C-alpha cells in the first residue's frame, strides 16, 4: 500500500479523534452481549457503557457484530 498524502491526512485525523478512555475491538466484543441485553430491556446502555457506545460509533466491524447480535437476540425473544 502506497502512503499517499490523502491517506496520511486521514490517519492523522483518526489519531486526533482518539480518546484517552477508548476501548479496543476485543474489549468491545467482550461487552457486546451485556450492551445488547440492556437495550432489549429498554434501558440506556450508552449511559451504563459509554465506552462501548463510542467504540460502536467509530468501528464499523464491531457495529456490524452488534447489529447481528441484537437481531439474533430479538428473534429468540419473539
Protein backbone atom coordinates (compact mmCIF):
# COMPACT_ATOMS: atom_id res chain seq x y z
CA UNK A 1 0.00 0.00 0.00
CA UNK A 2 1.41 3.31 -1.03
CA UNK A 3 1.09 6.04 1.58
CA UNK A 4 -0.49 8.93 -0.28
CA UNK A 5 -0.97 12.40 1.12
CA UNK A 6 -4.73 11.76 1.45
CA UNK A 7 -4.16 8.53 3.38
CA UNK A 8 -1.68 10.27 5.66
CA UNK A 9 -4.15 13.10 6.35
CA UNK A 10 -6.85 10.53 7.11
CA UNK A 11 -4.56 8.71 9.53
CA UNK A 12 -3.68 11.96 11.30
CA UNK A 13 -7.39 12.83 11.65
CA UNK A 14 -8.05 9.41 13.16
CA UNK A 15 -5.23 9.84 15.67
CA UNK A 16 -6.56 13.27 16.66
CA UNK A 17 -10.01 11.74 17.26
CA UNK A 18 -8.58 9.08 19.61
CA UNK A 19 -9.85 9.44 23.15
CA UNK A 20 -7.96 8.57 26.33
CA UNK A 21 -10.72 6.25 27.54
CA UNK A 22 -11.29 4.35 24.30
CA UNK A 23 -11.59 0.58 24.26
CA UNK A 24 -10.36 -1.69 21.51
CA UNK A 25 -12.30 -4.21 19.46
CA UNK A 26 -11.53 -7.12 21.81
CA UNK A 27 -12.85 -5.27 24.85
CA UNK A 28 -15.88 -4.07 22.91
CA UNK A 29 -16.65 -7.55 21.64
CA UNK A 30 -16.45 -8.93 25.19
CA UNK A 31 -19.10 -6.42 26.30
CA UNK A 32 -21.48 -6.57 23.31
CA UNK A 33 -23.82 -9.11 24.88
CA UNK A 34 -24.35 -7.02 28.02
CA UNK A 35 -24.83 -3.88 25.89
CA UNK A 36 -27.44 -5.65 23.74
CA UNK A 37 -29.24 -7.06 26.78
CA UNK A 38 -29.57 -3.59 28.27
CA UNK A 39 -31.01 -2.27 25.03
CA UNK A 40 -33.51 -5.13 24.77
CA UNK A 41 -34.61 -4.42 28.35
CA UNK A 42 -35.41 -0.84 27.34
CA UNK A 43 -32.56 0.57 29.39
CA UNK A 44 -29.95 3.03 28.17
CA UNK A 45 -26.76 1.06 27.51
CA UNK A 46 -24.97 4.16 26.24
CA UNK A 47 -25.17 5.63 29.75
CA UNK A 48 -24.16 2.41 31.50
CA UNK A 49 -21.44 1.56 28.99
CA UNK A 50 -20.33 4.77 27.24
CA UNK A 51 -17.01 3.34 26.05
CA UNK A 52 -18.82 0.58 24.15
CA UNK A 53 -21.21 3.11 22.60
CA UNK A 54 -18.30 5.29 21.48
CA UNK A 55 -16.48 2.32 20.01
CA UNK A 56 -19.56 1.19 18.10
CA UNK A 57 -19.90 4.69 16.64
CA UNK A 58 -16.31 4.56 15.39
CA UNK A 59 -15.85 0.92 14.36
CA UNK A 60 -17.92 -0.45 11.52
CA UNK A 61 -16.87 -4.07 12.13
CA UNK A 62 -17.93 -4.05 15.77
CA UNK A 63 -21.13 -2.20 14.88
CA UNK A 64 -21.99 -4.94 12.37
CA UNK A 65 -21.31 -7.61 15.00
CA UNK A 66 -23.51 -5.75 17.46
CA UNK A 67 -26.37 -5.33 14.99
CA UNK A 68 -26.24 -9.04 14.12
CA UNK A 69 -26.22 -10.00 17.79
CA UNK A 70 -29.13 -7.68 18.53
CA UNK A 71 -31.19 -9.18 15.67
CA UNK A 72 -30.44 -12.70 16.88
CA UNK A 73 -31.44 -11.86 20.45
CA UNK A 74 -34.62 -10.17 19.24
CA UNK A 75 -35.51 -13.26 17.19
CA UNK A 76 -35.01 -15.53 20.19
CA UNK A 77 -37.13 -13.26 22.39
CA UNK A 78 -40.00 -13.16 19.89
